[in-house]
């Protein structure tokens, strides 16, 4: 299956990529696209090849996911929190444990952009009506 975005799409929306980064970006865009397909299938949201808005959103989200992983860098893999201090100034970064471990995850905003909405409100409403709880 083809990724939803190209390395050119990622570079155009972020920055110029070196040759080694382009190879990594290709792999990350493919992994992001697989994660998106799985999430959409799980949520029963169909991918419509004729829907240009959906296609643009799929590309945007794939690029965002790949960029998150590329921005983290190899030196931060497995690190969830990092603090640096110099000349009385301090900077602290906290990263999702899943991202630090290389897991491709959709943010809530990305899920909403793709039409993947949480089922919890529906379950809560069903529970109030005496339906299944979950």
N, C-alpha and C. Protein backbone atom coordinates (compact mmCIF):
# COMPACT_ATOMS: atom_id res chain seq x y z
N UNK A 1 0.84 -1.19 0.00
CA UNK A 1 0.00 0.00 0.00
C UNK A 1 0.87 1.24 0.00
N UNK A 2 0.43 2.21 -0.72
CA UNK A 2 1.16 3.47 -0.81
C UNK A 2 0.92 4.32 0.44
N UNK A 3 1.94 5.02 0.91
CA UNK A 3 1.74 5.96 2.02
C UNK A 3 0.81 7.09 1.57
N UNK A 4 0.15 7.71 2.53
CA UNK A 4 -0.76 8.81 2.22
C UNK A 4 -0.03 10.08 1.83
N UNK A 5 1.26 10.17 2.17
CA UNK A 5 2.05 11.37 1.87
C UNK A 5 3.41 10.95 1.35
N UNK A 6 4.04 11.87 0.65
CA UNK A 6 5.38 11.63 0.12
C UNK A 6 6.41 12.36 0.97
N UNK A 7 7.64 12.01 0.77
CA UNK A 7 8.73 12.71 1.44
C UNK A 7 8.71 14.19 1.03
N UNK A 8 8.36 14.45 -0.22
CA UNK A 8 8.24 15.84 -0.69
C UNK A 8 7.17 16.60 0.06
N UNK A 9 6.04 15.94 0.36
CA UNK A 9 4.97 16.58 1.15
C UNK A 9 5.49 16.95 2.53
N UNK A 10 6.21 16.02 3.16
CA UNK A 10 6.75 16.27 4.50
C UNK A 10 7.74 17.43 4.47
N UNK A 11 8.66 17.42 3.52
CA UNK A 11 9.67 18.48 3.42
C UNK A 11 9.02 19.83 3.12
N UNK A 12 8.01 19.84 2.26
CA UNK A 12 7.35 21.10 1.89
C UNK A 12 6.68 21.76 3.09
N UNK A 13 6.16 20.95 3.99
CA UNK A 13 5.47 21.51 5.15
C UNK A 13 6.34 21.69 6.37
N UNK A 14 7.60 21.26 6.28
CA UNK A 14 8.45 21.31 7.48
C UNK A 14 9.77 21.98 7.17
N UNK A 15 10.69 21.24 6.55
CA UNK A 15 12.01 21.77 6.22
C UNK A 15 12.68 20.85 5.21
N UNK A 16 13.77 21.34 4.63
CA UNK A 16 14.52 20.50 3.70
C UNK A 16 15.14 19.33 4.45
N UNK A 17 15.09 18.16 3.82
CA UNK A 17 15.62 16.95 4.45
C UNK A 17 16.89 16.49 3.75
N UNK A 18 17.86 16.02 4.54
CA UNK A 18 19.06 15.43 3.97
C UNK A 18 18.75 14.06 3.40
N UNK A 19 19.69 13.48 2.69
CA UNK A 19 19.46 12.18 2.05
C UNK A 19 19.13 11.08 3.05
N UNK A 20 19.85 11.02 4.16
CA UNK A 20 19.57 9.99 5.18
C UNK A 20 18.19 10.22 5.80
N UNK A 21 17.84 11.49 6.00
CA UNK A 21 16.53 11.81 6.57
C UNK A 21 15.41 11.43 5.61
N UNK A 22 15.64 11.57 4.32
CA UNK A 22 14.61 11.21 3.33
C UNK A 22 14.28 9.72 3.41
N UNK A 23 15.30 8.90 3.57
CA UNK A 23 15.07 7.46 3.68
C UNK A 23 14.28 7.14 4.94
N UNK A 24 14.64 7.77 6.05
CA UNK A 24 13.91 7.57 7.31
C UNK A 24 12.48 8.08 7.19
N UNK A 25 12.31 9.23 6.55
CA UNK A 25 10.98 9.82 6.37
C UNK A 25 10.08 8.87 5.58
N UNK A 26 10.63 8.23 4.56
CA UNK A 26 9.84 7.30 3.74
C UNK A 26 9.31 6.16 4.60
N UNK A 27 10.16 5.61 5.45
CA UNK A 27 9.75 4.52 6.34
C UNK A 27 8.70 5.01 7.33
N UNK A 28 8.93 6.18 7.93
CA UNK A 28 7.99 6.71 8.92
C UNK A 28 6.64 7.07 8.30
N UNK A 29 6.64 7.59 7.08
CA UNK A 29 5.37 7.90 6.41
C UNK A 29 4.59 6.62 6.11
N UNK A 30 5.29 5.56 5.75
CA UNK A 30 4.62 4.27 5.51
C UNK A 30 4.04 3.73 6.82
N UNK A 31 4.82 3.80 7.91
CA UNK A 31 4.32 3.33 9.22
C UNK A 31 3.14 4.17 9.69
N UNK A 32 3.22 5.47 9.50
CA UNK A 32 2.12 6.36 9.89
C UNK A 32 0.86 6.01 9.10
N UNK A 33 1.02 5.77 7.81
CA UNK A 33 -0.13 5.43 6.96
C UNK A 33 -0.78 4.12 7.40
N UNK A 34 0.04 3.15 7.78
CA UNK A 34 -0.48 1.88 8.29
C UNK A 34 -1.26 2.10 9.58
N UNK A 35 -0.72 2.91 10.48
CA UNK A 35 -1.41 3.20 11.75
C UNK A 35 -2.73 3.92 11.49
N UNK A 36 -2.74 4.83 10.54
CA UNK A 36 -3.97 5.56 10.20
C UNK A 36 -5.01 4.60 9.64
N UNK A 37 -4.61 3.75 8.71
CA UNK A 37 -5.54 2.78 8.13
C UNK A 37 -6.15 1.88 9.21
N UNK A 38 -5.32 1.42 10.13
CA UNK A 38 -5.80 0.55 11.21
C UNK A 38 -6.79 1.28 12.11
N UNK A 39 -6.48 2.53 12.45
CA UNK A 39 -7.38 3.31 13.31
C UNK A 39 -8.71 3.57 12.61
N UNK A 40 -8.65 3.87 11.33
CA UNK A 40 -9.88 4.15 10.58
C UNK A 40 -10.71 2.87 10.43
N UNK A 41 -10.06 1.75 10.19
CA UNK A 41 -10.79 0.49 10.09
C UNK A 41 -11.46 0.17 11.42
N UNK A 42 -10.73 0.34 12.50
CA UNK A 42 -11.26 0.06 13.83
C UNK A 42 -12.47 0.95 14.15
N UNK A 43 -12.42 2.19 13.68
CA UNK A 43 -13.52 3.13 13.93
C UNK A 43 -14.61 3.04 12.87
N UNK A 44 -14.41 2.15 11.90
CA UNK A 44 -15.37 1.94 10.80
C UNK A 44 -15.56 3.21 9.96
N UNK A 45 -14.45 3.91 9.75
CA UNK A 45 -14.45 5.08 8.87
C UNK A 45 -13.81 4.64 7.57
N UNK A 46 -14.56 4.77 6.48
CA UNK A 46 -14.06 4.32 5.18
C UNK A 46 -13.16 5.37 4.55
N UNK A 47 -12.15 4.89 3.84
CA UNK A 47 -11.29 5.77 3.07
C UNK A 47 -11.88 5.85 1.67
N UNK A 48 -12.23 7.06 1.25
CA UNK A 48 -12.86 7.29 -0.05
C UNK A 48 -11.84 7.92 -0.99
N UNK A 49 -11.34 7.16 -1.98
CA UNK A 49 -10.33 7.70 -2.89
C UNK A 49 -10.80 8.93 -3.67
N UNK A 50 -12.11 9.14 -3.80
CA UNK A 50 -12.63 10.28 -4.54
C UNK A 50 -12.77 11.54 -3.68
N UNK A 51 -12.58 11.41 -2.38
CA UNK A 51 -12.76 12.54 -1.46
C UNK A 51 -11.44 13.30 -1.31
N UNK A 52 -11.35 14.45 -1.99
CA UNK A 52 -10.11 15.23 -1.98
C UNK A 52 -9.80 15.81 -0.61
N UNK A 53 -10.81 16.22 0.13
CA UNK A 53 -10.58 16.76 1.47
C UNK A 53 -10.03 15.68 2.39
N UNK A 54 -10.61 14.48 2.31
CA UNK A 54 -10.10 13.38 3.13
C UNK A 54 -8.67 13.03 2.73
N UNK A 55 -8.38 13.03 1.44
CA UNK A 55 -7.01 12.72 0.97
C UNK A 55 -6.00 13.72 1.52
N UNK A 56 -6.39 15.01 1.51
CA UNK A 56 -5.50 16.04 2.05
C UNK A 56 -5.30 15.86 3.55
N UNK A 57 -6.37 15.50 4.25
CA UNK A 57 -6.27 15.26 5.70
C UNK A 57 -5.40 14.05 6.00
N UNK A 58 -5.54 12.99 5.22
CA UNK A 58 -4.73 11.80 5.41
C UNK A 58 -3.24 12.13 5.23
N UNK A 59 -2.93 12.94 4.22
CA UNK A 59 -1.54 13.34 3.97
C UNK A 59 -1.02 14.21 5.11
N UNK A 60 -1.84 15.17 5.56
CA UNK A 60 -1.44 16.06 6.66
C UNK A 60 -1.14 15.27 7.93
N UNK A 61 -2.01 14.34 8.26
CA UNK A 61 -1.84 13.56 9.49
C UNK A 61 -0.62 12.64 9.39
N UNK A 62 -0.43 12.00 8.25
CA UNK A 62 0.75 11.15 8.07
C UNK A 62 2.03 11.97 8.24
N UNK A 63 2.05 13.17 7.67
CA UNK A 63 3.23 14.04 7.81
C UNK A 63 3.44 14.45 9.26
N UNK A 64 2.37 14.78 9.96
CA UNK A 64 2.49 15.17 11.37
C UNK A 64 3.06 14.04 12.21
N UNK A 65 2.58 12.84 11.98
CA UNK A 65 3.06 11.68 12.73
C UNK A 65 4.54 11.42 12.45
N UNK A 66 4.93 11.47 11.17
CA UNK A 66 6.33 11.24 10.81
C UNK A 66 7.22 12.34 11.38
N UNK A 67 6.74 13.57 11.30
CA UNK A 67 7.53 14.70 11.81
C UNK A 67 7.76 14.56 13.31
N UNK A 68 6.74 14.14 14.06
CA UNK A 68 6.90 13.95 15.51
C UNK A 68 8.05 13.00 15.81
N UNK A 69 8.12 11.92 15.05
CA UNK A 69 9.16 10.92 15.28
C UNK A 69 10.53 11.41 14.80
N UNK A 70 10.55 12.15 13.71
CA UNK A 70 11.83 12.65 13.21
C UNK A 70 12.36 13.75 14.13
N UNK A 71 11.49 14.59 14.64
CA UNK A 71 11.91 15.69 15.52
C UNK A 71 12.48 15.15 16.82
N UNK A 72 11.99 14.01 17.25
CA UNK A 72 12.47 13.42 18.49
C UNK A 72 13.95 13.07 18.39
N UNK A 73 14.35 12.54 17.27
CA UNK A 73 15.76 12.19 17.06
C UNK A 73 16.14 10.90 17.77
N UNK A 74 17.17 10.27 17.27
CA UNK A 74 17.62 8.99 17.83
C UNK A 74 18.13 9.11 19.26
N UNK A 75 18.66 10.27 19.62
CA UNK A 75 19.22 10.43 20.97
C UNK A 75 18.15 10.44 22.05
N UNK A 76 16.88 10.62 21.65
CA UNK A 76 15.79 10.70 22.64
C UNK A 76 14.93 9.44 22.67
N UNK A 77 15.26 8.42 21.88
CA UNK A 77 14.48 7.19 21.88
C UNK A 77 14.51 6.58 23.27
N UNK A 78 13.35 6.30 23.81
CA UNK A 78 13.25 5.71 25.13
C UNK A 78 13.24 6.73 26.26
N UNK A 79 13.49 8.00 25.95
CA UNK A 79 13.53 9.06 26.97
C UNK A 79 12.16 9.74 27.02
N UNK A 80 11.57 9.80 28.20
CA UNK A 80 10.27 10.47 28.32
C UNK A 80 10.38 11.85 28.94
N UNK A 81 11.50 12.13 29.61
CA UNK A 81 11.69 13.45 30.19
C UNK A 81 13.16 13.82 30.16
N UNK A 82 13.43 15.08 29.80
CA UNK A 82 14.81 15.55 29.72
C UNK A 82 14.85 17.00 30.19
N UNK A 83 15.83 17.32 31.03
CA UNK A 83 16.00 18.67 31.53
C UNK A 83 17.43 19.11 31.30
N UNK A 84 17.59 20.34 30.82
CA UNK A 84 18.91 20.91 30.61
C UNK A 84 18.99 22.24 31.36
N UNK A 85 20.14 22.50 31.98
CA UNK A 85 20.35 23.74 32.70
C UNK A 85 21.66 24.36 32.24
N UNK A 86 21.63 25.69 31.98
CA UNK A 86 22.84 26.41 31.60
C UNK A 86 22.68 27.87 31.99
N UNK A 87 23.67 28.41 32.64
CA UNK A 87 23.69 29.82 33.03
C UNK A 87 22.42 30.27 33.74
N UNK A 88 21.92 29.44 34.61
CA UNK A 88 20.73 29.81 35.38
C UNK A 88 19.41 29.61 34.66
N UNK A 89 19.45 29.15 33.42
CA UNK A 89 18.23 28.88 32.66
C UNK A 89 18.01 27.38 32.59
N UNK A 90 16.75 27.00 32.60
CA UNK A 90 16.42 25.59 32.57
C UNK A 90 15.39 25.33 31.48
N UNK A 91 15.57 24.25 30.76
CA UNK A 91 14.61 23.82 29.75
C UNK A 91 14.26 22.37 30.02
N UNK A 92 12.97 22.06 29.94
CA UNK A 92 12.52 20.70 30.21
C UNK A 92 11.60 20.25 29.08
N UNK A 93 11.75 18.99 28.68
CA UNK A 93 10.92 18.42 27.62
C UNK A 93 10.34 17.10 28.13
N UNK A 94 9.05 16.93 27.96
CA UNK A 94 8.41 15.67 28.30
C UNK A 94 7.80 15.10 27.02
N UNK A 95 8.09 13.84 26.76
CA UNK A 95 7.62 13.17 25.56
C UNK A 95 6.75 11.99 25.96
N UNK A 96 5.71 11.75 25.18
CA UNK A 96 4.87 10.58 25.40
C UNK A 96 5.74 9.32 25.41
N UNK A 97 5.49 8.44 26.35
CA UNK A 97 6.25 7.19 26.43
C UNK A 97 6.12 6.39 25.14
N UNK A 98 4.93 6.41 24.54
CA UNK A 98 4.71 5.66 23.30
C UNK A 98 5.56 6.23 22.17
N UNK A 99 5.58 7.55 22.03
CA UNK A 99 6.37 8.18 20.97
C UNK A 99 7.86 7.92 21.23
N UNK A 100 8.27 8.02 22.49
CA UNK A 100 9.67 7.77 22.83
C UNK A 100 10.08 6.34 22.48
N UNK A 101 9.13 5.42 22.49
CA UNK A 101 9.42 4.03 22.15
C UNK A 101 9.16 3.72 20.68
N UNK A 102 8.80 4.74 19.90
CA UNK A 102 8.63 4.56 18.46
C UNK A 102 7.24 4.13 18.02
N UNK A 103 6.26 4.17 18.91
CA UNK A 103 4.90 3.78 18.56
C UNK A 103 4.23 4.91 17.77
N UNK A 104 3.62 4.57 16.66
CA UNK A 104 2.89 5.56 15.86
C UNK A 104 1.49 5.73 16.46
N UNK A 105 1.22 6.91 16.99
CA UNK A 105 -0.08 7.19 17.59
C UNK A 105 -0.69 8.43 16.98
N UNK A 106 -2.01 8.43 16.88
CA UNK A 106 -2.75 9.61 16.44
C UNK A 106 -3.08 10.46 17.66
N UNK A 107 -2.92 11.77 17.54
CA UNK A 107 -3.37 12.65 18.62
C UNK A 107 -4.88 12.78 18.52
N UNK A 108 -5.50 13.31 19.55
CA UNK A 108 -6.95 13.50 19.51
C UNK A 108 -7.35 14.43 18.36
N UNK A 109 -6.58 15.49 18.15
CA UNK A 109 -6.88 16.42 17.05
C UNK A 109 -6.78 15.72 15.70
N UNK A 110 -5.80 14.85 15.53
CA UNK A 110 -5.65 14.11 14.28
C UNK A 110 -6.81 13.14 14.09
N UNK A 111 -7.22 12.49 15.16
CA UNK A 111 -8.35 11.57 15.08
C UNK A 111 -9.61 12.33 14.62
N UNK A 112 -9.82 13.49 15.20
CA UNK A 112 -11.00 14.29 14.82
C UNK A 112 -10.91 14.76 13.38
N UNK A 113 -9.72 15.16 12.94
CA UNK A 113 -9.53 15.60 11.56
C UNK A 113 -9.90 14.49 10.57
N UNK A 114 -9.66 13.24 10.96
CA UNK A 114 -9.95 12.10 10.09
C UNK A 114 -11.36 11.54 10.29
N UNK A 115 -12.12 12.13 11.20
CA UNK A 115 -13.48 11.64 11.44
C UNK A 115 -13.54 10.45 12.35
N UNK A 116 -12.49 10.24 13.13
CA UNK A 116 -12.44 9.13 14.09
C UNK A 116 -12.80 9.71 15.45
N UNK A 117 -13.99 9.44 15.89
CA UNK A 117 -14.44 10.00 17.16
C UNK A 117 -14.53 8.92 18.21
N UNK A 118 -14.33 9.33 19.44
CA UNK A 118 -14.38 8.39 20.56
C UNK A 118 -15.78 7.81 20.68
N UNK A 119 -15.84 6.54 21.01
CA UNK A 119 -17.14 5.88 21.21
C UNK A 119 -17.61 6.01 22.64
N UNK A 120 -16.78 6.56 23.51
CA UNK A 120 -17.14 6.65 24.92
C UNK A 120 -18.42 7.45 25.17
N UNK A 121 -18.61 8.63 24.52
CA UNK A 121 -19.87 9.33 24.77
C UNK A 121 -21.10 8.49 24.42
N UNK A 122 -21.01 7.71 23.33
CA UNK A 122 -22.13 6.86 22.94
C UNK A 122 -22.36 5.77 23.98
N UNK A 123 -21.29 5.19 24.48
CA UNK A 123 -21.42 4.16 25.51
C UNK A 123 -22.02 4.73 26.78
N UNK A 124 -21.59 5.93 27.14
CA UNK A 124 -22.13 6.57 28.34
C UNK A 124 -23.63 6.82 28.17
N UNK A 125 -24.03 7.27 26.98
CA UNK A 125 -25.45 7.52 26.73
C UNK A 125 -26.23 6.22 26.78
N UNK A 126 -25.68 5.15 26.22
CA UNK A 126 -26.36 3.85 26.26
C UNK A 126 -26.50 3.36 27.69
N UNK A 127 -25.47 3.58 28.49
CA UNK A 127 -25.51 3.14 29.89
C UNK A 127 -26.61 3.89 30.64
N UNK A 128 -26.80 5.17 30.34
CA UNK A 128 -27.85 5.94 30.97
C UNK A 128 -29.21 5.46 30.57
N UNK A 129 -29.32 4.90 29.36
CA UNK A 129 -30.60 4.39 28.88
C UNK A 129 -30.80 2.94 29.27
N UNK A 130 -29.84 2.37 30.01
CA UNK A 130 -29.97 0.99 30.45
C UNK A 130 -29.37 -0.01 29.49
N UNK A 131 -28.61 0.48 28.50
CA UNK A 131 -27.98 -0.40 27.53
C UNK A 131 -26.66 -0.95 28.03
N UNK A 132 -25.90 -1.58 27.16
CA UNK A 132 -24.61 -2.17 27.56
C UNK A 132 -23.66 -1.11 28.10
N UNK A 133 -22.87 -1.52 29.05
CA UNK A 133 -21.86 -0.62 29.62
C UNK A 133 -20.51 -0.99 29.05
N UNK A 134 -19.63 -0.01 28.89
CA UNK A 134 -18.35 -0.39 28.38
C UNK A 134 -17.43 0.72 28.29
